[in-house]
Amino acid sequence: MKQKVFHAPILLKANSDETGEFTAVFATLEVIDHDSDVTRLGAFLDGQETLIEPWNHNYDEPPVGKGVIHEKDNQATIEGRFFLDTQSGLEHYRVVKNVGDIQEWSYTFQVEQASQGVFEEQEVQFLEKLDVWGVAPVTRGAGIDTRTTDIKGAKPYPNEHACRLRPPSDFQADSFRRITREHEGKKYSIIMGRLKDEDTMSEQAYRYPKEIWDVAIARSHCKDHDGSFEAASASSRVNPPEDQTVKGVSSEVIKTRIELIELED
């Protein structure tokens, strides 16, 4: 049994206070980690169920949740749920939510297939097949190019349903633009930006005006694009708070204060 620890993105679902649901990236693939291992694409069994272990893999305590593992691009994610009907599960959920973007994650695993080789001119061990026993929030890790991005559901947008495709931290600051597109006769907005170290524009998020888009239809469209959906809040807001800070938005393109607050920040 081995463990690897990553400073990993986590996204709490829009209704997470009721369900305890979250998505977290717990491993980065095809990079050399601090153990001189390279975890290969396909190392994780897509759809494998696993446990959410207590903080720092405290095996003296029962699990605090469960989830399902998926691989996407060069990341391994877990779509999980904390057990909010247990005291420990509820406490873990609240801590992870409050820790936010400095949260780190670790996973316990058994190597089923591995080999030795050279990667980027370095002798490494290739981890080719892994059996994950559990994933846990931890205090400190040694991850490669991973980070916590945000807590979803803490600030739903008042006039639009939202679909996040990628975290804003993947993009260059001050590169975001907002354009309009139509789907089956209904207009929606697209937040575009330049990914770090790239010159071309990529899609970061969608916005669906709630007076045009039914929640179920917007959610379905977001799912078709592998996004994370959040319904608009029940109440509307004309002006953002005076102390609202918005990062990564070009004021030359986004003129009004209401548009500034409704971009991903």
C-alpha atoms as a PDB file:
ATOM      1  CA  MET A   1       0.000   0.000   0.000  1.00  0.00           C
ATOM      2  CA  LYS A   2       1.341   3.435  -0.996  1.00  0.00           C
ATOM      3  CA  GLN A   3       0.186   7.037  -0.835  1.00  0.00           C
ATOM      4  CA  LYS A   4       0.628  10.081  -3.051  1.00  0.00           C
ATOM      5  CA  VAL A   5      -0.343  13.610  -2.097  1.00  0.00           C
ATOM      6  CA  PHE A   6      -1.430  16.461  -4.367  1.00  0.00           C
ATOM      7  CA  HIS A   7      -2.423  20.098  -3.983  1.00  0.00           C
ATOM      8  CA  ALA A   8      -5.563  19.526  -5.968  1.00  0.00           C
ATOM      9  CA  PRO A   9      -8.544  21.389  -7.424  1.00  0.00           C
ATOM     10  CA  ILE A  10     -11.879  20.810  -5.706  1.00  0.00           C
ATOM     11  CA  LEU A  11     -15.310  21.958  -6.786  1.00  0.00           C
ATOM     12  CA  LEU A  12     -18.246  21.788  -4.385  1.00  0.00           C
ATOM     13  CA  LYS A  13     -21.564  21.409  -6.190  1.00  0.00           C
ATOM     14  CA  ALA A  14     -24.170  24.184  -6.166  1.00  0.00           C
ATOM     15  CA  ASN A  15     -26.333  22.355  -3.605  1.00  0.00           C
ATOM     16  CA  SER A  16     -23.385  20.898  -1.713  1.00  0.00           C
ATOM     17  CA  ASP A  17     -24.624  22.222   1.646  1.00  0.00           C
ATOM     18  CA  GLU A  18     -27.502  19.762   1.287  1.00  0.00           C
ATOM     19  CA  THR A  19     -25.755  16.859  -0.436  1.00  0.00           C
ATOM     20  CA  GLY A  20     -22.044  17.111   0.441  1.00  0.00           C
ATOM     21  CA  GLU A  21     -21.181  16.521  -3.230  1.00  0.00           C
ATOM     22  CA  PHE A  22     -17.858  17.620  -4.694  1.00  0.00           C
ATOM     23  CA  THR A  23     -15.410  16.982  -7.504  1.00  0.00           C
ATOM     24  CA  ALA A  24     -11.671  16.983  -6.858  1.00  0.00           C
ATOM     25  CA  VAL A  25      -8.564  16.410  -8.950  1.00  0.00           C
ATOM     26  CA  PHE A  26      -6.356  14.102  -6.905  1.00  0.00           C
ATOM     27  CA  ALA A  27      -3.628  13.180  -9.417  1.00  0.00           C
ATOM     28  CA  THR A  28      -1.822  14.692 -12.385  1.00  0.00           C
ATOM     29  CA  LEU A  29      -0.821  12.270 -15.114  1.00  0.00           C
ATOM     30  CA  GLU A  30       2.221  12.136 -17.406  1.00  0.00           C
ATOM     31  CA  VAL A  31       4.454  14.273 -15.161  1.00  0.00           C
ATOM     32  CA  ILE A  32       7.345  13.331 -12.886  1.00  0.00           C
ATOM     33  CA  ASP A  33       6.266  13.564  -9.258  1.00  0.00           C
ATOM     34  CA  HIS A  34       8.440  13.950  -6.166  1.00  0.00           C
ATOM     35  CA  ASP A  35       8.805  10.176  -5.866  1.00  0.00           C
ATOM     36  CA  SER A  36      10.291  10.039  -9.392  1.00  0.00           C
ATOM     37  CA  ASP A  37       7.148   8.265 -10.574  1.00  0.00           C
ATOM     38  CA  VAL A  38       5.165   8.986 -13.737  1.00  0.00           C
ATOM     39  CA  THR A  39       1.525   7.956 -13.544  1.00  0.00           C
ATOM     40  CA  ARG A  40       0.430   6.996 -17.042  1.00  0.00           C
ATOM     41  CA  LEU A  41      -2.807   7.742 -18.807  1.00  0.00           C
ATOM     42  CA  GLY A  42      -5.119   4.810 -18.137  1.00  0.00           C
ATOM     43  CA  ALA A  43      -3.529   3.987 -14.785  1.00  0.00           C
ATOM     44  CA  PHE A  44      -6.828   4.590 -12.989  1.00  0.00           C
ATOM     45  CA  LEU A  45      -9.908   2.479 -13.624  1.00  0.00           C
ATOM     46  CA  ASP A  46     -12.565   4.866 -14.884  1.00  0.00           C
ATOM     47  CA  GLY A  47     -15.737   4.409 -12.868  1.00  0.00           C
ATOM     48  CA  GLN A  48     -14.035   2.752  -9.894  1.00  0.00           C
ATOM     49  CA  GLU A  49     -15.796   3.408  -6.601  1.00  0.00           C
ATOM     50  CA  THR A  50     -13.620   4.299  -3.639  1.00  0.00           C
ATOM     51  CA  LEU A  51     -13.824   5.688  -0.114  1.00  0.00           C
ATOM     52  CA  ILE A  52     -13.227   9.230   1.131  1.00  0.00           C
ATOM     53  CA  GLU A  53     -10.880   8.623   4.034  1.00  0.00           C
ATOM     54  CA  PRO A  54     -10.624  10.817   7.159  1.00  0.00           C
ATOM     55  CA  TRP A  55      -8.160  13.692   7.350  1.00  0.00           C
ATOM     56  CA  ASN A  56      -4.528  12.612   6.829  1.00  0.00           C
ATOM     57  CA  HIS A  57      -5.650   8.995   6.237  1.00  0.00           C
ATOM     58  CA  ASN A  58      -6.637   8.424   9.854  1.00  0.00           C
ATOM     59  CA  TYR A  59      -7.460   4.733   9.589  1.00  0.00           C
ATOM     60  CA  ASP A  60      -8.644   4.630  13.191  1.00  0.00           C
ATOM     61  CA  GLU A  61     -11.784   6.479  12.071  1.00  0.00           C
ATOM     62  CA  PRO A  62     -14.518   5.290   9.656  1.00  0.00           C
ATOM     63  CA  PRO A  63     -14.784   6.705   6.110  1.00  0.00           C
ATOM     64  CA  VAL A  64     -16.300  10.184   5.778  1.00  0.00           C
ATOM     65  CA  GLY A  65     -17.664   9.723   2.259  1.00  0.00           C
ATOM     66  CA  LYS A  66     -17.396   7.827  -0.994  1.00  0.00           C
ATOM     67  CA  GLY A  67     -16.898   8.628  -4.667  1.00  0.00           C
ATOM     68  CA  VAL A  68     -16.228   7.505  -8.229  1.00  0.00           C
ATOM     69  CA  ILE A  69     -12.901   7.920 -10.059  1.00  0.00           C
ATOM     70  CA  HIS A  70     -12.618   9.298 -13.586  1.00  0.00           C
ATOM     71  CA  GLU A  71      -9.763  10.232 -15.894  1.00  0.00           C
ATOM     72  CA  LYS A  72      -9.986  13.317 -18.099  1.00  0.00           C
ATOM     73  CA  ASP A  73      -7.111  14.708 -20.140  1.00  0.00           C
ATOM     74  CA  ASN A  74      -4.080  14.508 -17.819  1.00  0.00           C
ATOM     75  CA  GLN A  75      -6.014  14.472 -14.556  1.00  0.00           C
ATOM     76  CA  ALA A  76      -7.594  11.884 -12.311  1.00  0.00           C
ATOM     77  CA  THR A  77     -10.720  13.146 -10.568  1.00  0.00           C
ATOM     78  CA  ILE A  78     -13.113  11.861  -7.965  1.00  0.00           C
ATOM     79  CA  GLU A  79     -16.786  12.744  -7.956  1.00  0.00           C
ATOM     80  CA  GLY A  80     -17.612  12.250  -4.316  1.00  0.00           C
ATOM     81  CA  ARG A  81     -20.026  12.923  -1.497  1.00  0.00           C
ATOM     82  CA  PHE A  82     -19.290  13.566   2.151  1.00  0.00           C
ATOM     83  CA  PHE A  83     -21.624  11.783   4.577  1.00  0.00           C
ATOM     84  CA  LEU A  84     -23.423  14.809   5.992  1.00  0.00           C
ATOM     85  CA  ASP A  85     -25.585  12.561   8.179  1.00  0.00           C
ATOM     86  CA  THR A  86     -22.505  11.662  10.247  1.00  0.00           C
ATOM     87  CA  GLN A  87     -20.698  14.113  12.517  1.00  0.00           C
ATOM     88  CA  SER A  88     -17.288  13.342  11.035  1.00  0.00           C
ATOM     89  CA  GLY A  89     -18.528  13.588   7.448  1.00  0.00           C
ATOM     90  CA  LEU A  90     -20.163  16.950   8.135  1.00  0.00           C
ATOM     91  CA  GLU A  91     -17.030  18.269   9.851  1.00  0.00           C
ATOM     92  CA  HIS A  92     -14.824  17.161   6.944  1.00  0.00           C
ATOM     93  CA  TYR A  93     -17.140  18.847   4.452  1.00  0.00           C
ATOM     94  CA  ARG A  94     -17.105  22.127   6.376  1.00  0.00           C
ATOM     95  CA  VAL A  95     -13.322  22.104   6.783  1.00  0.00           C
ATOM     96  CA  VAL A  96     -12.669  21.376   3.105  1.00  0.00           C
ATOM     97  CA  LYS A  97     -15.122  24.101   2.096  1.00  0.00           C
ATOM     98  CA  ASN A  98     -13.490  26.665   4.372  1.00  0.00           C
ATOM     99  CA  VAL A  99      -9.901  25.717   3.507  1.00  0.00           C
ATOM    100  CA  GLY A 100     -10.678  26.438  -0.153  1.00  0.00           C
ATOM    101  CA  ASP A 101      -7.808  26.909  -2.567  1.00  0.00           C
ATOM    102  CA  ILE A 102      -5.021  25.679  -0.282  1.00  0.00           C
ATOM    103  CA  GLN A 103      -6.601  22.252   0.192  1.00  0.00           C
ATOM    104  CA  GLU A 104      -4.422  19.254  -0.613  1.00  0.00           C
ATOM    105  CA  TRP A 105      -5.506  15.679  -1.325  1.00  0.00           C
ATOM    106  CA  SER A 106      -3.868  12.279  -1.033  1.00  0.00           C
ATOM    107  CA  TYR A 107      -4.794   8.849  -2.308  1.00  0.00           C
ATOM    108  CA  THR A 108      -3.993   5.381  -1.009  1.00  0.00           C
ATOM    109  CA  PHE A 109      -3.247   2.827  -3.720  1.00  0.00           C
ATOM    110  CA  GLN A 110      -1.735  -0.513  -4.627  1.00  0.00           C
ATOM    111  CA  VAL A 111       0.446  -0.870  -7.716  1.00  0.00           C
ATOM    112  CA  GLU A 112      -0.901  -3.509 -10.071  1.00  0.00           C
ATOM    113  CA  GLN A 113       1.396  -2.829 -13.021  1.00  0.00           C
ATOM    114  CA  ALA A 114       4.587  -0.762 -13.289  1.00  0.00           C
ATOM    115  CA  SER A 115       7.830  -0.546 -15.260  1.00  0.00           C
ATOM    116  CA  GLN A 116      11.137   1.301 -15.256  1.00  0.00           C
ATOM    117  CA  GLY A 117      12.215   3.715 -17.975  1.00  0.00           C
ATOM    118  CA  VAL A 118      13.363   7.180 -18.978  1.00  0.00           C
ATOM    119  CA  PHE A 119      11.061  10.196 -19.041  1.00  0.00           C
ATOM    120  CA  GLU A 120      12.314  13.686 -19.927  1.00  0.00           C
ATOM    121  CA  GLU A 121      15.908  12.418 -19.584  1.00  0.00           C
ATOM    122  CA  GLN A 122      15.298  11.097 -16.072  1.00  0.00           C
ATOM    123  CA  GLU A 123      15.120   7.549 -14.746  1.00  0.00           C
ATOM    124  CA  VAL A 124      11.576   6.999 -13.468  1.00  0.00           C
ATOM    125  CA  GLN A 125       9.074   4.356 -12.509  1.00  0.00           C
ATOM    126  CA  PHE A 126       6.002   4.277 -14.730  1.00  0.00           C
ATOM    127  CA  LEU A 127       2.815   3.533 -12.790  1.00  0.00           C
ATOM    128  CA  GLU A 128       0.591   1.855 -15.373  1.00  0.00           C
ATOM    129  CA  LYS A 129      -2.252   0.264 -13.385  1.00  0.00           C
ATOM    130  CA  LEU A 130      -3.348   1.321  -9.898  1.00  0.00           C
ATOM    131  CA  ASP A 131      -5.998   0.104  -7.485  1.00  0.00           C
ATOM    132  CA  VAL A 132      -7.130   3.091  -5.398  1.00  0.00           C
ATOM    133  CA  TRP A 133      -8.250   2.199  -1.882  1.00  0.00           C
ATOM    134  CA  GLY A 134      -9.254   5.692  -0.793  1.00  0.00           C
ATOM    135  CA  VAL A 135      -8.863   9.446  -1.272  1.00  0.00           C
ATOM    136  CA  ALA A 136      -8.393  11.867   1.649  1.00  0.00           C
ATOM    137  CA  PRO A 137      -7.982  15.574   2.386  1.00  0.00           C
ATOM    138  CA  VAL A 138      -4.595  16.188   3.987  1.00  0.00           C
ATOM    139  CA  THR A 139      -2.590  18.961   5.600  1.00  0.00           C
ATOM    140  CA  ARG A 140       0.480  18.971   3.361  1.00  0.00           C
ATOM    141  CA  GLY A 141       1.427  17.278   0.123  1.00  0.00           C
ATOM    142  CA  ALA A 142       3.909  17.220  -2.727  1.00  0.00           C
ATOM    143  CA  GLY A 143       1.824  17.503  -5.860  1.00  0.00           C
ATOM    144  CA  ILE A 144       2.874  18.537  -9.359  1.00  0.00           C
ATOM    145  CA  ASP A 145       1.074  21.443 -11.061  1.00  0.00           C
ATOM    146  CA  THR A 146      -2.190  21.046  -9.140  1.00  0.00           C
ATOM    147  CA  ARG A 147      -4.229  23.448  -7.018  1.00  0.00           C
ATOM    148  CA  THR A 148      -7.602  24.069  -5.429  1.00  0.00           C
ATOM    149  CA  THR A 149      -9.606  26.416  -7.613  1.00  0.00           C
ATOM    150  CA  ASP A 150     -12.868  27.369  -5.939  1.00  0.00           C
ATOM    151  CA  ILE A 151     -15.899  26.393  -3.923  1.00  0.00           C
ATOM    152  CA  LYS A 152     -18.971  26.181  -6.076  1.00  0.00           C
ATOM    153  CA  GLY A 153     -22.314  27.224  -4.740  1.00  0.00           C
ATOM    154  CA  ALA A 154     -21.046  29.901  -2.383  1.00  0.00           C
ATOM    155  CA  LYS A 155     -21.885  32.678  -4.842  1.00  0.00           C
ATOM    156  CA  PRO A 156     -24.519  31.701  -7.459  1.00  0.00           C
ATOM    157  CA  TYR A 157     -25.085  34.300 -10.156  1.00  0.00           C
ATOM    158  CA  PRO A 158     -28.360  36.224  -9.818  1.00  0.00           C
ATOM    159  CA  ASN A 159     -29.461  36.434 -13.458  1.00  0.00           C
ATOM    160  CA  GLU A 160     -27.683  33.575 -15.197  1.00  0.00           C
ATOM    161  CA  HIS A 161     -27.149  29.867 -14.842  1.00  0.00           C
ATOM    162  CA  ALA A 162     -23.420  29.088 -14.978  1.00  0.00           C
ATOM    163  CA  CYS A 163     -21.373  26.298 -16.538  1.00  0.00           C
ATOM    164  CA  ARG A 164     -17.686  26.133 -15.674  1.00  0.00           C
ATOM    165  CA  LEU A 165     -15.514  24.348 -18.228  1.00  0.00           C
ATOM    166  CA  ARG A 166     -12.106  25.178 -16.785  1.00  0.00           C
ATOM    167  CA  PRO A 167     -10.925  27.050 -13.669  1.00  0.00           C
ATOM    168  CA  PRO A 168      -9.989  30.722 -14.216  1.00  0.00           C
ATOM    169  CA  SER A 169      -6.539  30.043 -12.769  1.00  0.00           C
ATOM    170  CA  ASP A 170      -5.691  28.081 -15.949  1.00  0.00           C
ATOM    171  CA  PHE A 171      -5.832  31.350 -17.902  1.00  0.00           C
ATOM    172  CA  GLN A 172      -3.720  34.463 -18.310  1.00  0.00           C
ATOM    173  CA  ALA A 173      -4.835  37.431 -16.230  1.00  0.00           C
ATOM    174  CA  ASP A 174      -6.652  40.198 -18.131  1.00  0.00           C
ATOM    175  CA  SER A 175      -7.276  37.926 -21.123  1.00  0.00           C
ATOM    176  CA  PHE A 176     -10.981  37.213 -20.586  1.00  0.00           C
ATOM    177  CA  ARG A 177     -13.596  38.195 -23.163  1.00  0.00           C
ATOM    178  CA  ARG A 178     -17.344  37.619 -23.321  1.00  0.00           C
ATOM    179  CA  ILE A 179     -19.075  36.675 -26.581  1.00  0.00           C
ATOM    180  CA  THR A 180     -22.587  35.506 -27.517  1.00  0.00           C
ATOM    181  CA  ARG A 181     -23.682  32.315 -29.225  1.00  0.00           C
ATOM    182  CA  GLU A 182     -27.016  30.619 -29.966  1.00  0.00           C
ATOM    183  CA  HIS A 183     -28.176  27.066 -29.298  1.00  0.00           C
ATOM    184  CA  GLU A 184     -31.549  25.970 -30.667  1.00  0.00           C
ATOM    185  CA  GLY A 185     -32.657  29.585 -30.917  1.00  0.00           C
ATOM    186  CA  LYS A 186     -31.593  30.551 -27.373  1.00  0.00           C
ATOM    187  CA  LYS A 187     -28.732  32.971 -26.807  1.00  0.00           C
ATOM    188  CA  TYR A 188     -26.051  32.329 -24.194  1.00  0.00           C
ATOM    189  CA  SER A 189     -22.699  33.897 -23.361  1.00  0.00           C
ATOM    190  CA  ILE A 190     -19.246  32.367 -23.510  1.00  0.00           C
ATOM    191  CA  ILE A 191     -16.355  33.497 -21.332  1.00  0.00           C
ATOM    192  CA  MET A 192     -13.165  33.172 -23.390  1.00  0.00           C
ATOM    193  CA  GLY A 193      -9.566  33.567 -22.317  1.00  0.00           C
ATOM    194  CA  ARG A 194      -5.992  32.721 -23.234  1.00  0.00           C
ATOM    195  CA  LEU A 195      -4.597  29.722 -21.422  1.00  0.00           C
ATOM    196  CA  LYS A 196      -1.238  30.214 -19.760  1.00  0.00           C
ATOM    197  CA  ASP A 197       1.642  30.015 -22.277  1.00  0.00           C
ATOM    198  CA  GLU A 198      -0.833  30.076 -25.198  1.00  0.00           C
ATOM    199  CA  ASP A 199      -1.838  32.793 -27.671  1.00  0.00           C
ATOM    200  CA  THR A 200      -5.168  31.396 -28.861  1.00  0.00           C
ATOM    201  CA  MET A 201      -8.471  31.899 -27.038  1.00  0.00           C
ATOM    202  CA  SER A 202     -10.196  28.973 -25.280  1.00  0.00           C
ATOM    203  CA  GLU A 203     -13.620  28.601 -23.676  1.00  0.00           C
ATOM    204  CA  GLN A 204     -13.636  28.960 -19.879  1.00  0.00           C
ATOM    205  CA  ALA A 205     -17.351  29.121 -18.982  1.00  0.00           C
ATOM    206  CA  TYR A 206     -20.912  29.505 -20.289  1.00  0.00           C
ATOM    207  CA  ARG A 207     -23.665  31.802 -18.993  1.00  0.00           C
ATOM    208  CA  TYR A 208     -27.358  31.098 -19.645  1.00  0.00           C
ATOM    209  CA  PRO A 209     -29.858  33.971 -19.040  1.00  0.00           C
ATOM    210  CA  LYS A 210     -32.424  32.495 -16.679  1.00  0.00           C
ATOM    211  CA  GLU A 211     -35.326  34.272 -18.386  1.00  0.00           C
ATOM    212  CA  ILE A 212     -34.491  32.339 -21.571  1.00  0.00           C
ATOM    213  CA  TRP A 213     -32.972  29.085 -20.341  1.00  0.00           C
ATOM    214  CA  ASP A 214     -34.858  26.570 -18.230  1.00  0.00           C
ATOM    215  CA  VAL A 215     -32.645  25.104 -15.499  1.00  0.00           C
ATOM    216  CA  ALA A 216     -32.952  21.527 -16.783  1.00  0.00           C
ATOM    217  CA  ILE A 217     -32.123  22.502 -20.382  1.00  0.00           C
ATOM    218  CA  ALA A 218     -29.144  24.633 -19.316  1.00  0.00           C
ATOM    219  CA  ARG A 219     -27.880  21.832 -17.075  1.00  0.00           C
ATOM    220  CA  SER A 220     -28.153  19.348 -19.960  1.00  0.00           C
ATOM    221  CA  HIS A 221     -26.252  21.657 -22.322  1.00  0.00           C
ATOM    222  CA  CYS A 222     -23.527  22.112 -19.721  1.00  0.00           C
ATOM    223  CA  LYS A 223     -23.276  18.358 -19.164  1.00  0.00           C
ATOM    224  CA  ASP A 224     -22.919  17.797 -22.919  1.00  0.00           C
ATOM    225  CA  HIS A 225     -19.807  19.982 -22.755  1.00  0.00           C
ATOM    226  CA  ASP A 226     -18.379  18.268 -19.656  1.00  0.00           C
ATOM    227  CA  GLY A 227     -18.917  21.371 -17.533  1.00  0.00           C
ATOM    228  CA  SER A 228     -19.863  21.909 -13.892  1.00  0.00           C
ATOM    229  CA  PHE A 229     -23.313  23.497 -13.594  1.00  0.00           C
ATOM    230  CA  GLU A 230     -24.715  25.982 -11.092  1.00  0.00           C
ATOM    231  CA  ALA A 231     -28.261  27.352 -11.320  1.00  0.00           C
ATOM    232  CA  ALA A 232     -28.906  31.071 -10.921  1.00  0.00           C
ATOM    233  CA  SER A 233     -29.803  32.304  -7.456  1.00  0.00           C
ATOM    234  CA  ALA A 234     -33.445  32.913  -6.642  1.00  0.00           C
ATOM    235  CA  SER A 235     -32.986  36.659  -6.129  1.00  0.00           C
ATOM    236  CA  SER A 236     -31.583  39.216  -8.542  1.00  0.00           C
ATOM    237  CA  ARG A 237     -29.045  41.947  -7.810  1.00  0.00           C
ATOM    238  CA  VAL A 238     -28.719  45.203  -9.744  1.00  0.00           C
ATOM    239  CA  ASN A 239     -25.392  46.428  -8.362  1.00  0.00           C
ATOM    240  CA  PRO A 240     -22.466  44.423  -6.972  1.00  0.00           C
ATOM    241  CA  PRO A 241     -21.158  45.166  -3.479  1.00  0.00           C
ATOM    242  CA  GLU A 242     -18.803  48.127  -3.200  1.00  0.00           C
ATOM    243  CA  ASP A 243     -15.979  45.913  -1.926  1.00  0.00           C
ATOM    244  CA  GLN A 244     -16.317  43.328  -4.731  1.00  0.00           C
ATOM    245  CA  THR A 245     -12.926  42.565  -6.295  1.00  0.00           C
ATOM    246  CA  VAL A 246     -12.824  41.037  -9.769  1.00  0.00           C
ATOM    247  CA  LYS A 247      -9.629  39.506 -11.106  1.00  0.00           C
ATOM    248  CA  GLY A 248      -8.678  38.752 -14.674  1.00  0.00           C
ATOM    249  CA  VAL A 249     -11.275  40.970 -16.424  1.00  0.00           C
ATOM    250  CA  SER A 250     -10.551  43.543 -19.109  1.00  0.00           C
ATOM    251  CA  SER A 251     -12.394  46.783 -18.320  1.00  0.00           C
ATOM    252  CA  GLU A 252     -12.094  47.801 -21.973  1.00  0.00           C
ATOM    253  CA  VAL A 253     -14.398  44.989 -22.937  1.00  0.00           C
ATOM    254  CA  ILE A 254     -16.586  44.550 -19.851  1.00  0.00           C
ATOM    255  CA  LYS A 255     -17.888  48.044 -19.059  1.00  0.00           C
ATOM    256  CA  THR A 256     -20.603  47.700 -16.462  1.00  0.00           C
ATOM    257  CA  ARG A 257     -20.182  46.679 -12.854  1.00  0.00           C
ATOM    258  CA  ILE A 258     -22.847  44.001 -13.098  1.00  0.00           C
ATOM    259  CA  GLU A 259     -20.974  42.322 -15.962  1.00  0.00           C
ATOM    260  CA  LEU A 260     -17.759  42.451 -13.935  1.00  0.00           C
ATOM    261  CA  ILE A 261     -19.196  40.576 -10.990  1.00  0.00           C
ATOM    262  CA  GLU A 262     -20.801  37.935 -13.179  1.00  0.00           C
ATOM    263  CA  LEU A 263     -17.503  36.833 -14.705  1.00  0.00           C
ATOM    264  CA  GLU A 264     -15.609  34.000 -13.042  1.00  0.00           C
ATOM    265  CA  ASP A 265     -13.346  35.567 -10.415  1.00  0.00           C
END
